[in-house]
């Protein structure tokens, strides 16, 4: 019986991190030297959201991996890796970012152009939405700086609540992103 391939995720930019060209799909890369996580070897992540944290570009690759030498919560390093399938994830990433922003848009008085862009993804609104959001962020930052002294006394109580809320939000985002990616790569994951 043939062993089922071990799959992972890896983002690439124009070249690999060492400057070499990105190989064609199906071509094995093999690391010959020492392998050390975060230093040398061929890296990947078991979850596409984790791979996103290390993305040097917007091309997302589903990869087969062999010879895992070390693994952490969000990444692994191996001796061999080959691309099974890839996609330019630019629009997927923009869509995901807009959906995440809509989850918290009620926390501020967003200008209409920002809401319009988040809802439609209309590229002609992107620059205006960015400028409006930036202006609102500066105004909020100035107000926050004035309130910082008053808030210092309450900070410790908020830290624990914030950590719990952040972890829950991160898990939800991770699951949503993973679902979107799996839909895009469905033909290769069956």
N, C-alpha and C. Protein backbone atom coordinates (compact mmCIF):
# COMPACT_ATOMS: atom_id res chain seq x y z
N UNK A 1 0.83 -1.18 0.00
CA UNK A 1 0.00 0.00 0.00
C UNK A 1 0.87 1.25 0.00
N UNK A 2 0.51 2.17 -0.84
CA UNK A 2 1.28 3.41 -0.93
C UNK A 2 0.93 4.32 0.25
N UNK A 3 1.97 4.88 0.85
CA UNK A 3 1.81 5.79 1.98
C UNK A 3 1.19 7.10 1.50
N UNK A 4 0.21 7.60 2.27
CA UNK A 4 -0.44 8.86 1.93
C UNK A 4 0.58 9.99 2.13
N UNK A 5 0.69 10.90 1.16
CA UNK A 5 1.68 11.99 1.30
C UNK A 5 1.34 12.91 2.47
N UNK A 6 2.37 13.43 3.09
CA UNK A 6 2.19 14.39 4.18
C UNK A 6 2.16 15.78 3.56
N UNK A 7 1.07 16.52 3.80
CA UNK A 7 0.87 17.81 3.16
C UNK A 7 1.02 18.95 4.15
N UNK A 8 1.41 20.10 3.64
CA UNK A 8 1.55 21.31 4.45
C UNK A 8 1.34 22.51 3.52
N UNK A 9 1.58 23.70 4.07
CA UNK A 9 1.34 24.95 3.34
C UNK A 9 2.57 25.84 3.41
N UNK A 10 2.78 26.59 2.33
CA UNK A 10 3.97 27.44 2.26
C UNK A 10 3.67 28.60 1.30
N UNK A 11 3.93 29.83 1.76
CA UNK A 11 3.81 31.00 0.88
C UNK A 11 5.17 31.31 0.28
N UNK A 12 5.17 31.80 -0.95
CA UNK A 12 6.41 32.25 -1.59
C UNK A 12 6.21 33.63 -2.19
N UNK A 13 7.34 34.31 -2.39
CA UNK A 13 7.35 35.59 -3.10
C UNK A 13 7.82 35.34 -4.52
N UNK A 14 8.63 36.25 -5.05
CA UNK A 14 9.14 36.13 -6.42
C UNK A 14 10.18 35.00 -6.54
N UNK A 15 10.93 34.76 -5.45
CA UNK A 15 11.92 33.69 -5.40
C UNK A 15 11.82 33.04 -4.03
N UNK A 16 12.58 31.97 -3.84
CA UNK A 16 12.68 31.42 -2.50
C UNK A 16 13.49 32.38 -1.64
N UNK A 17 13.47 32.20 -0.35
CA UNK A 17 14.15 33.15 0.55
C UNK A 17 15.65 33.26 0.28
N UNK A 18 16.25 32.21 -0.23
CA UNK A 18 17.69 32.27 -0.52
C UNK A 18 17.98 32.86 -1.90
N UNK A 19 16.92 33.30 -2.59
CA UNK A 19 17.09 33.93 -3.90
C UNK A 19 16.98 32.98 -5.08
N UNK A 20 16.91 31.69 -4.85
CA UNK A 20 16.80 30.74 -5.96
C UNK A 20 15.37 30.76 -6.53
N UNK A 21 15.25 30.41 -7.79
CA UNK A 21 13.91 30.40 -8.40
C UNK A 21 12.98 29.40 -7.72
N UNK A 22 11.72 29.69 -7.76
CA UNK A 22 10.72 28.77 -7.22
C UNK A 22 10.58 27.62 -8.20
N UNK A 23 10.68 26.39 -7.73
CA UNK A 23 10.60 25.26 -8.65
C UNK A 23 9.20 25.07 -9.22
N UNK A 24 9.14 24.37 -10.32
CA UNK A 24 7.87 24.03 -10.93
C UNK A 24 7.11 23.06 -10.02
N UNK A 25 5.80 23.03 -10.17
CA UNK A 25 5.00 22.08 -9.42
C UNK A 25 5.51 20.66 -9.69
N UNK A 26 5.58 19.86 -8.63
CA UNK A 26 6.00 18.46 -8.76
C UNK A 26 7.49 18.23 -8.65
N UNK A 27 8.29 19.27 -8.64
CA UNK A 27 9.75 19.13 -8.55
C UNK A 27 10.16 19.18 -7.08
N UNK A 28 10.88 18.15 -6.64
CA UNK A 28 11.33 18.10 -5.25
C UNK A 28 12.49 19.05 -5.01
N UNK A 29 12.40 19.79 -3.93
CA UNK A 29 13.53 20.55 -3.40
C UNK A 29 14.12 19.69 -2.30
N UNK A 30 15.44 19.67 -2.21
CA UNK A 30 16.07 18.89 -1.15
C UNK A 30 17.15 19.73 -0.49
N UNK A 31 17.08 19.82 0.84
CA UNK A 31 18.09 20.57 1.59
C UNK A 31 19.17 19.60 2.04
N UNK A 32 20.41 19.86 1.61
CA UNK A 32 21.51 18.94 1.88
C UNK A 32 22.26 19.24 3.18
N UNK A 33 22.28 20.50 3.60
CA UNK A 33 23.07 20.88 4.77
C UNK A 33 22.35 20.63 6.08
N UNK A 34 22.85 21.27 7.13
CA UNK A 34 22.20 21.15 8.44
C UNK A 34 20.78 21.72 8.39
N UNK A 35 19.91 21.15 9.18
CA UNK A 35 18.52 21.59 9.24
C UNK A 35 18.25 22.10 10.65
N UNK A 36 17.81 23.35 10.73
CA UNK A 36 17.47 23.95 12.01
C UNK A 36 16.28 24.88 11.80
N UNK A 37 15.25 24.67 12.58
CA UNK A 37 14.04 25.46 12.42
C UNK A 37 14.37 26.95 12.57
N UNK A 38 13.81 27.75 11.72
CA UNK A 38 14.00 29.21 11.65
C UNK A 38 15.39 29.61 11.15
N UNK A 39 16.21 28.66 10.77
CA UNK A 39 17.57 28.99 10.34
C UNK A 39 17.92 28.36 8.99
N UNK A 40 17.69 27.07 8.85
CA UNK A 40 18.06 26.39 7.60
C UNK A 40 17.15 25.19 7.39
N UNK A 41 16.99 24.82 6.14
CA UNK A 41 16.09 23.73 5.79
C UNK A 41 14.90 24.26 5.02
N UNK A 42 13.95 23.41 4.77
CA UNK A 42 12.75 23.76 4.02
C UNK A 42 11.58 23.84 5.00
N UNK A 43 10.99 25.01 5.10
CA UNK A 43 9.95 25.25 6.08
C UNK A 43 8.55 25.17 5.47
N UNK A 44 7.58 24.90 6.31
CA UNK A 44 6.17 24.86 5.93
C UNK A 44 5.34 24.89 7.21
N UNK A 45 4.04 24.98 7.04
CA UNK A 45 3.12 24.97 8.18
C UNK A 45 2.00 23.97 7.89
N UNK A 46 1.53 23.34 8.93
CA UNK A 46 0.44 22.37 8.76
C UNK A 46 -0.89 23.05 8.47
N UNK A 47 -1.01 24.32 8.86
CA UNK A 47 -2.24 25.07 8.66
C UNK A 47 -1.94 26.30 7.80
N UNK A 48 -2.78 26.61 6.82
CA UNK A 48 -2.49 27.76 5.95
C UNK A 48 -2.46 29.10 6.70
N UNK A 49 -3.25 29.24 7.78
CA UNK A 49 -3.22 30.48 8.56
C UNK A 49 -1.86 30.64 9.22
N UNK A 50 -1.28 29.56 9.69
CA UNK A 50 0.05 29.63 10.28
C UNK A 50 1.08 30.01 9.22
N UNK A 51 0.96 29.45 8.02
CA UNK A 51 1.88 29.79 6.94
C UNK A 51 1.80 31.28 6.59
N UNK A 52 0.61 31.84 6.72
CA UNK A 52 0.40 33.25 6.42
C UNK A 52 1.28 34.15 7.29
N UNK A 53 1.54 33.72 8.50
CA UNK A 53 2.35 34.52 9.43
C UNK A 53 3.80 34.70 8.92
N UNK A 54 4.23 33.85 8.02
CA UNK A 54 5.61 33.87 7.51
C UNK A 54 5.67 34.22 6.02
N UNK A 55 4.57 34.68 5.46
CA UNK A 55 4.47 34.88 4.02
C UNK A 55 5.36 36.01 3.50
N UNK A 56 6.30 35.69 2.59
CA UNK A 56 7.10 36.73 1.95
C UNK A 56 6.43 37.26 0.68
N UNK A 57 5.32 36.65 0.30
CA UNK A 57 4.59 37.04 -0.90
C UNK A 57 3.19 36.47 -0.84
N UNK A 58 2.46 36.59 -1.94
CA UNK A 58 1.06 36.19 -1.94
C UNK A 58 0.77 34.88 -2.66
N UNK A 59 1.79 34.16 -3.06
CA UNK A 59 1.55 32.87 -3.71
C UNK A 59 1.51 31.78 -2.64
N UNK A 60 0.36 31.16 -2.51
CA UNK A 60 0.16 30.10 -1.52
C UNK A 60 0.34 28.75 -2.20
N UNK A 61 1.18 27.91 -1.60
CA UNK A 61 1.47 26.60 -2.16
C UNK A 61 1.03 25.49 -1.21
N UNK A 62 0.35 24.51 -1.75
CA UNK A 62 0.11 23.26 -1.05
C UNK A 62 1.33 22.40 -1.36
N UNK A 63 2.02 21.94 -0.33
CA UNK A 63 3.27 21.21 -0.55
C UNK A 63 3.23 19.83 0.09
N UNK A 64 3.95 18.93 -0.52
CA UNK A 64 4.21 17.62 0.08
C UNK A 64 5.55 17.74 0.78
N UNK A 65 5.65 17.17 1.97
CA UNK A 65 6.87 17.28 2.75
C UNK A 65 7.37 15.89 3.14
N UNK A 66 8.69 15.79 3.28
CA UNK A 66 9.33 14.55 3.74
C UNK A 66 10.53 14.90 4.61
N UNK A 67 10.83 14.03 5.54
CA UNK A 67 12.02 14.22 6.36
C UNK A 67 11.91 15.36 7.35
N UNK A 68 10.80 15.41 8.07
CA UNK A 68 10.63 16.47 9.07
C UNK A 68 11.70 16.31 10.15
N UNK A 69 12.42 17.40 10.41
CA UNK A 69 13.49 17.40 11.41
C UNK A 69 13.05 18.02 12.72
N UNK A 70 12.17 19.03 12.66
CA UNK A 70 11.69 19.70 13.87
C UNK A 70 10.34 20.33 13.57
N UNK A 71 9.56 20.50 14.64
CA UNK A 71 8.24 21.09 14.47
C UNK A 71 7.89 21.92 15.70
N UNK A 72 7.29 23.08 15.45
CA UNK A 72 6.75 23.93 16.50
C UNK A 72 5.25 24.05 16.28
N UNK A 73 4.58 24.84 17.11
CA UNK A 73 3.13 24.95 17.00
C UNK A 73 2.68 25.42 15.62
N UNK A 74 3.44 26.33 15.00
CA UNK A 74 2.98 26.95 13.77
C UNK A 74 3.85 26.70 12.55
N UNK A 75 4.91 25.93 12.69
CA UNK A 75 5.77 25.66 11.54
C UNK A 75 6.58 24.39 11.77
N UNK A 76 7.14 23.93 10.66
CA UNK A 76 8.02 22.76 10.70
C UNK A 76 9.16 23.01 9.74
N UNK A 77 10.20 22.23 9.89
CA UNK A 77 11.32 22.27 8.95
C UNK A 77 11.59 20.83 8.51
N UNK A 78 11.85 20.68 7.21
CA UNK A 78 12.04 19.34 6.66
C UNK A 78 13.19 19.35 5.65
N UNK A 79 13.54 18.15 5.20
CA UNK A 79 14.63 17.99 4.22
C UNK A 79 14.12 18.08 2.78
N UNK A 80 12.86 17.65 2.55
CA UNK A 80 12.34 17.63 1.18
C UNK A 80 10.95 18.26 1.14
N UNK A 81 10.72 19.03 0.06
CA UNK A 81 9.42 19.68 -0.11
C UNK A 81 9.18 19.85 -1.62
N UNK A 82 7.94 19.60 -2.02
CA UNK A 82 7.58 19.88 -3.41
C UNK A 82 6.19 20.47 -3.46
N UNK A 83 6.03 21.35 -4.43
CA UNK A 83 4.74 22.03 -4.60
C UNK A 83 3.79 21.10 -5.35
N UNK A 84 2.63 20.88 -4.74
CA UNK A 84 1.57 20.08 -5.38
C UNK A 84 0.68 21.01 -6.22
N UNK A 85 0.34 22.15 -5.63
CA UNK A 85 -0.50 23.14 -6.32
C UNK A 85 -0.21 24.50 -5.71
N UNK A 86 -0.47 25.55 -6.49
CA UNK A 86 -0.25 26.92 -6.01
C UNK A 86 -1.31 27.83 -6.57
N UNK A 87 -1.49 28.96 -5.87
CA UNK A 87 -2.42 29.98 -6.34
C UNK A 87 -1.93 31.35 -5.91
N UNK A 88 -2.21 32.33 -6.74
CA UNK A 88 -1.97 33.71 -6.34
C UNK A 88 -3.11 34.04 -5.37
N UNK A 89 -2.79 34.20 -4.11
CA UNK A 89 -3.80 34.38 -3.07
C UNK A 89 -4.13 35.85 -2.80
N UNK A 90 -3.71 36.75 -3.67
CA UNK A 90 -3.93 38.19 -3.42
C UNK A 90 -5.40 38.50 -3.16
N UNK A 91 -6.27 38.07 -4.04
CA UNK A 91 -7.70 38.38 -3.86
C UNK A 91 -8.28 37.63 -2.67
N UNK A 92 -7.86 36.41 -2.44
CA UNK A 92 -8.30 35.65 -1.27
C UNK A 92 -7.91 36.39 0.01
N UNK A 93 -6.68 36.90 0.06
CA UNK A 93 -6.20 37.62 1.24
C UNK A 93 -6.95 38.94 1.43
N UNK A 94 -7.23 39.64 0.34
CA UNK A 94 -8.00 40.89 0.45
C UNK A 94 -9.42 40.60 0.94
N UNK A 95 -10.02 39.57 0.40
CA UNK A 95 -11.37 39.19 0.83
C UNK A 95 -11.36 38.85 2.32
N UNK A 96 -10.42 38.04 2.73
CA UNK A 96 -10.32 37.64 4.14
C UNK A 96 -10.12 38.87 5.03
N UNK A 97 -9.24 39.77 4.64
CA UNK A 97 -8.99 40.98 5.44
C UNK A 97 -10.26 41.83 5.54
N UNK A 98 -11.00 41.96 4.44
CA UNK A 98 -12.23 42.75 4.48
C UNK A 98 -13.26 42.09 5.40
N UNK A 99 -13.38 40.78 5.34
CA UNK A 99 -14.34 40.08 6.19
C UNK A 99 -13.96 40.21 7.67
N UNK A 100 -12.68 40.14 7.96
CA UNK A 100 -12.22 40.32 9.34
C UNK A 100 -12.49 41.74 9.82
N UNK A 101 -12.26 42.72 8.96
CA UNK A 101 -12.53 44.12 9.32
C UNK A 101 -14.02 44.33 9.59
N UNK A 102 -14.87 43.69 8.81
CA UNK A 102 -16.32 43.84 9.02
C UNK A 102 -16.76 43.28 10.37
N UNK A 103 -16.02 42.33 10.90
CA UNK A 103 -16.36 41.78 12.21
C UNK A 103 -16.21 42.80 13.34
N UNK A 104 -15.36 43.80 13.12
CA UNK A 104 -15.12 44.79 14.17
C UNK A 104 -15.49 46.21 13.74
N UNK A 105 -16.10 46.36 12.59
CA UNK A 105 -16.40 47.70 12.08
C UNK A 105 -17.38 48.44 13.00
N UNK A 106 -18.16 47.72 13.76
CA UNK A 106 -19.10 48.37 14.67
C UNK A 106 -18.42 49.03 15.88
N UNK A 107 -17.12 48.81 16.04
CA UNK A 107 -16.38 49.39 17.16
C UNK A 107 -15.95 50.82 16.91
N UNK A 108 -16.20 51.32 15.71
CA UNK A 108 -15.85 52.71 15.41
C UNK A 108 -16.85 53.27 14.41
N UNK A 109 -16.85 54.56 14.29
CA UNK A 109 -17.75 55.24 13.37
C UNK A 109 -17.08 55.30 12.00
N UNK A 110 -17.16 54.20 11.28
CA UNK A 110 -16.47 54.09 10.00
C UNK A 110 -17.10 55.00 8.95
N UNK A 111 -16.26 55.74 8.21
CA UNK A 111 -16.78 56.55 7.09
C UNK A 111 -17.45 55.65 6.05
N UNK A 112 -18.42 56.21 5.34
CA UNK A 112 -19.18 55.42 4.37
C UNK A 112 -18.29 54.78 3.31
N UNK A 113 -17.25 55.48 2.87
CA UNK A 113 -16.38 54.92 1.83
C UNK A 113 -15.67 53.66 2.35
N UNK A 114 -15.35 53.63 3.62
CA UNK A 114 -14.74 52.43 4.21
C UNK A 114 -15.74 51.28 4.21
N UNK A 115 -16.95 51.56 4.65
CA UNK A 115 -17.99 50.52 4.64
C UNK A 115 -18.25 50.01 3.23
N UNK A 116 -18.32 50.93 2.27
CA UNK A 116 -18.56 50.53 0.88
C UNK A 116 -17.45 49.61 0.37
N UNK A 117 -16.21 49.98 0.67
CA UNK A 117 -15.10 49.14 0.21
C UNK A 117 -15.13 47.76 0.89
N UNK A 118 -15.33 47.75 2.20
CA UNK A 118 -15.35 46.48 2.92
C UNK A 118 -16.45 45.56 2.41
N UNK A 119 -17.58 46.12 2.08
CA UNK A 119 -18.72 45.30 1.63
C UNK A 119 -18.56 44.82 0.19
N UNK A 120 -17.94 45.64 -0.66
CA UNK A 120 -17.90 45.29 -2.09
C UNK A 120 -16.54 44.82 -2.58
N UNK A 121 -15.48 45.32 -1.95
CA UNK A 121 -14.14 45.02 -2.46
C UNK A 121 -13.83 45.79 -3.73
N UNK A 122 -14.63 46.79 -4.05
CA UNK A 122 -14.45 47.60 -5.25
C UNK A 122 -13.07 48.28 -5.20
N UNK A 123 -12.18 47.88 -6.09
CA UNK A 123 -10.80 48.39 -6.09
C UNK A 123 -10.74 49.90 -6.28
N UNK A 124 -11.73 50.49 -6.94
CA UNK A 124 -11.71 51.94 -7.16
C UNK A 124 -11.94 52.70 -5.85
N UNK A 125 -12.43 52.04 -4.83
CA UNK A 125 -12.67 52.67 -3.52
C UNK A 125 -11.52 52.46 -2.54
N UNK A 126 -10.58 51.57 -2.88
CA UNK A 126 -9.53 51.17 -1.94
C UNK A 126 -8.71 52.35 -1.43
N UNK A 127 -8.22 53.21 -2.30
CA UNK A 127 -7.36 54.33 -1.87
C UNK A 127 -8.13 55.31 -0.99
N UNK A 128 -9.36 55.62 -1.36
CA UNK A 128 -10.17 56.55 -0.56
C UNK A 128 -10.50 55.94 0.79
N UNK A 129 -10.81 54.65 0.82
CA UNK A 129 -11.12 53.98 2.08
C UNK A 129 -9.89 53.96 2.98
N UNK A 130 -8.72 53.69 2.40
CA UNK A 130 -7.48 53.68 3.17
C UNK A 130 -7.21 55.06 3.77
N UNK A 131 -7.38 56.12 2.98
CA UNK A 131 -7.14 57.48 3.47
C UNK A 131 -8.13 57.85 4.58
N UNK A 132 -9.39 57.50 4.41
CA UNK A 132 -10.40 57.81 5.43
C UNK A 132 -10.12 57.04 6.72
N UNK A 133 -9.75 55.78 6.58
CA UNK A 133 -9.44 54.96 7.77
C UNK A 133 -8.20 55.49 8.48
N UNK A 134 -7.19 55.89 7.70
CA UNK A 134 -5.96 56.45 8.29
C UNK A 134 -6.26 57.73 9.07
N UNK A 135 -7.06 58.61 8.49
CA UNK A 135 -7.42 59.86 9.17
C UNK A 135 -8.19 59.58 10.46
N UNK A 136 -9.11 58.63 10.40
CA UNK A 136 -9.87 58.28 11.60
C UNK A 136 -8.96 57.66 12.66
N UNK A 137 -8.00 56.85 12.21
CA UNK A 137 -7.07 56.22 13.16
C UNK A 137 -6.21 57.27 13.87
N UNK A 138 -5.74 58.28 13.14
CA UNK A 138 -4.95 59.34 13.77
C UNK A 138 -5.77 60.10 14.80
N UNK A 139 -7.01 60.40 14.46
CA UNK A 139 -7.88 61.10 15.41
C UNK A 139 -8.10 60.25 16.65
N UNK A 140 -8.32 58.96 16.45
CA UNK A 140 -8.53 58.06 17.59
C UNK A 140 -7.25 57.93 18.41
N UNK A 141 -6.10 57.91 17.76
CA UNK A 141 -4.83 57.80 18.49
C UNK A 141 -4.60 59.01 19.37
N UNK A 142 -4.93 60.19 18.87
CA UNK A 142 -4.77 61.41 19.69
C UNK A 142 -5.70 61.35 20.90
N UNK A 143 -6.93 60.93 20.69
CA UNK A 143 -7.88 60.82 21.80
C UNK A 143 -7.43 59.74 22.79
N UNK A 144 -6.90 58.65 22.26
CA UNK A 144 -6.43 57.56 23.12
C UNK A 144 -5.24 57.99 23.97
N UNK A 145 -4.37 58.79 23.40
CA UNK A 145 -3.21 59.26 24.15
C UNK A 145 -3.64 60.11 25.34
N UNK A 146 -4.67 60.94 25.13
CA UNK A 146 -5.18 61.77 26.24
C UNK A 146 -5.82 60.90 27.32
N UNK A 147 -6.44 59.80 26.91
CA UNK A 147 -7.12 58.94 27.87
C UNK A 147 -6.20 57.89 28.49
N UNK A 148 -4.98 57.77 27.99
CA UNK A 148 -4.08 56.71 28.45
C UNK A 148 -3.78 56.79 29.94
N UNK A 149 -3.58 57.98 30.45
CA UNK A 149 -3.27 58.12 31.88
C UNK A 149 -4.43 57.62 32.73
N UNK A 150 -5.65 57.95 32.32
CA UNK A 150 -6.82 57.49 33.08
C UNK A 150 -6.97 55.97 32.99
N UNK A 151 -6.60 55.42 31.87
CA UNK A 151 -6.80 53.99 31.65
C UNK A 151 -5.73 53.13 32.32
N UNK A 152 -4.61 53.69 32.67
CA UNK A 152 -3.51 52.91 33.25
C UNK A 152 -3.96 52.14 34.49
N UNK A 153 -4.79 52.73 35.28
CA UNK A 153 -5.25 52.07 36.50
C UNK A 153 -6.12 50.85 36.21
N UNK A 154 -6.81 50.89 35.08
CA UNK A 154 -7.69 49.77 34.72
C UNK A 154 -6.99 48.72 33.86
N UNK A 155 -5.76 48.97 33.48
CA UNK A 155 -5.07 48.13 32.49
C UNK A 155 -4.94 46.68 32.92
N UNK A 156 -4.57 46.42 34.15
CA UNK A 156 -4.35 45.04 34.59
C UNK A 156 -5.62 44.20 34.45
N UNK A 157 -6.74 44.76 34.82
CA UNK A 157 -7.99 44.03 34.72
C UNK A 157 -8.35 43.72 33.27
N UNK A 158 -8.04 44.66 32.39
CA UNK A 158 -8.35 44.47 30.98
C UNK A 158 -7.42 43.47 30.32
N UNK A 159 -6.18 43.35 30.80
CA UNK A 159 -5.20 42.48 30.15
C UNK A 159 -5.70 41.04 30.04
N UNK A 160 -6.20 40.49 31.14
CA UNK A 160 -6.67 39.11 31.12
C UNK A 160 -7.87 38.95 30.19
N UNK A 161 -8.80 39.89 30.24
CA UNK A 161 -9.97 39.82 29.37
C UNK A 161 -9.56 39.96 27.91
N UNK A 162 -8.64 40.88 27.64
CA UNK A 162 -8.17 41.10 26.28
C UNK A 162 -7.48 39.85 25.74
N UNK A 163 -6.63 39.22 26.55
CA UNK A 163 -5.93 38.00 26.11
C UNK A 163 -6.91 36.91 25.73
N UNK A 164 -7.94 36.72 26.54
CA UNK A 164 -8.94 35.69 26.25
C UNK A 164 -9.72 36.03 24.98
N UNK A 165 -10.11 37.29 24.85
CA UNK A 165 -10.85 37.71 23.66
C UNK A 165 -10.00 37.58 22.40
N UNK A 166 -8.73 37.97 22.51
CA UNK A 166 -7.82 37.89 21.37
C UNK A 166 -7.63 36.45 20.93
N UNK A 167 -7.46 35.53 21.89
CA UNK A 167 -7.27 34.12 21.55
C UNK A 167 -8.51 33.57 20.85
N UNK A 168 -9.68 33.91 21.33
CA UNK A 168 -10.91 33.44 20.69
C UNK A 168 -11.05 34.00 19.29
N UNK A 169 -10.76 35.29 19.12
CA UNK A 169 -10.86 35.91 17.81
C UNK A 169 -9.84 35.30 16.85
N UNK A 170 -8.63 35.06 17.33
CA UNK A 170 -7.59 34.46 16.50
C UNK A 170 -8.01 33.07 16.05
N UNK A 171 -8.56 32.27 16.96
CA UNK A 171 -9.01 30.93 16.60
C UNK A 171 -10.12 30.98 15.54
N UNK A 172 -11.04 31.91 15.70
CA UNK A 172 -12.12 32.06 14.72
C UNK A 172 -11.56 32.47 13.36
N UNK A 173 -10.63 33.42 13.37
CA UNK A 173 -10.00 33.86 12.11
C UNK A 173 -9.23 32.72 11.47
N UNK A 174 -8.50 31.99 12.26
CA UNK A 174 -7.72 30.85 11.77
C UNK A 174 -8.64 29.85 11.08
N UNK A 175 -9.76 29.53 11.73
CA UNK A 175 -10.70 28.56 11.16
C UNK A 175 -11.33 29.07 9.87
N UNK A 176 -11.68 30.34 9.85
CA UNK A 176 -12.30 30.93 8.65
C UNK A 176 -11.32 30.92 7.47
N UNK A 177 -10.08 31.36 7.73
CA UNK A 177 -9.08 31.39 6.66
C UNK A 177 -8.81 29.98 6.15
N UNK A 178 -8.68 29.03 7.06
CA UNK A 178 -8.42 27.64 6.67
C UNK A 178 -9.54 27.10 5.79
N UNK A 179 -10.77 27.40 6.15
CA UNK A 179 -11.91 26.93 5.35
C UNK A 179 -11.87 27.52 3.94
N UNK A 180 -11.58 28.81 3.83
CA UNK A 180 -11.51 29.46 2.52
C UNK A 180 -10.41 28.81 1.67
N UNK A 181 -9.24 28.60 2.26
CA UNK A 181 -8.12 28.00 1.53
C UNK A 181 -8.46 26.57 1.11
N UNK A 182 -9.04 25.79 2.00
CA UNK A 182 -9.38 24.41 1.66
C UNK A 182 -10.38 24.36 0.50
N UNK A 183 -11.29 25.32 0.45
CA UNK A 183 -12.22 25.38 -0.69
C UNK A 183 -11.47 25.65 -1.99
N UNK A 184 -10.47 26.52 -1.94
CA UNK A 184 -9.68 26.84 -3.14
C UNK A 184 -8.85 25.65 -3.62
N UNK A 185 -8.41 24.82 -2.70
CA UNK A 185 -7.53 23.70 -3.05
C UNK A 185 -8.27 22.36 -2.98
N UNK A 186 -9.59 22.38 -3.00
CA UNK A 186 -10.40 21.17 -2.79
C UNK A 186 -10.00 20.03 -3.73
N UNK A 187 -9.70 20.34 -4.99
CA UNK A 187 -9.36 19.29 -5.95
C UNK A 187 -8.08 18.55 -5.58
N UNK A 188 -7.21 19.16 -4.78
CA UNK A 188 -5.92 18.57 -4.43
C UNK A 188 -5.91 17.94 -3.04
N UNK A 189 -6.98 18.13 -2.30
CA UNK A 189 -7.03 17.65 -0.91
C UNK A 189 -7.89 16.41 -0.73
N UNK A 190 -8.43 15.88 -1.81
CA UNK A 190 -9.29 14.69 -1.69
C UNK A 190 -8.50 13.42 -1.88
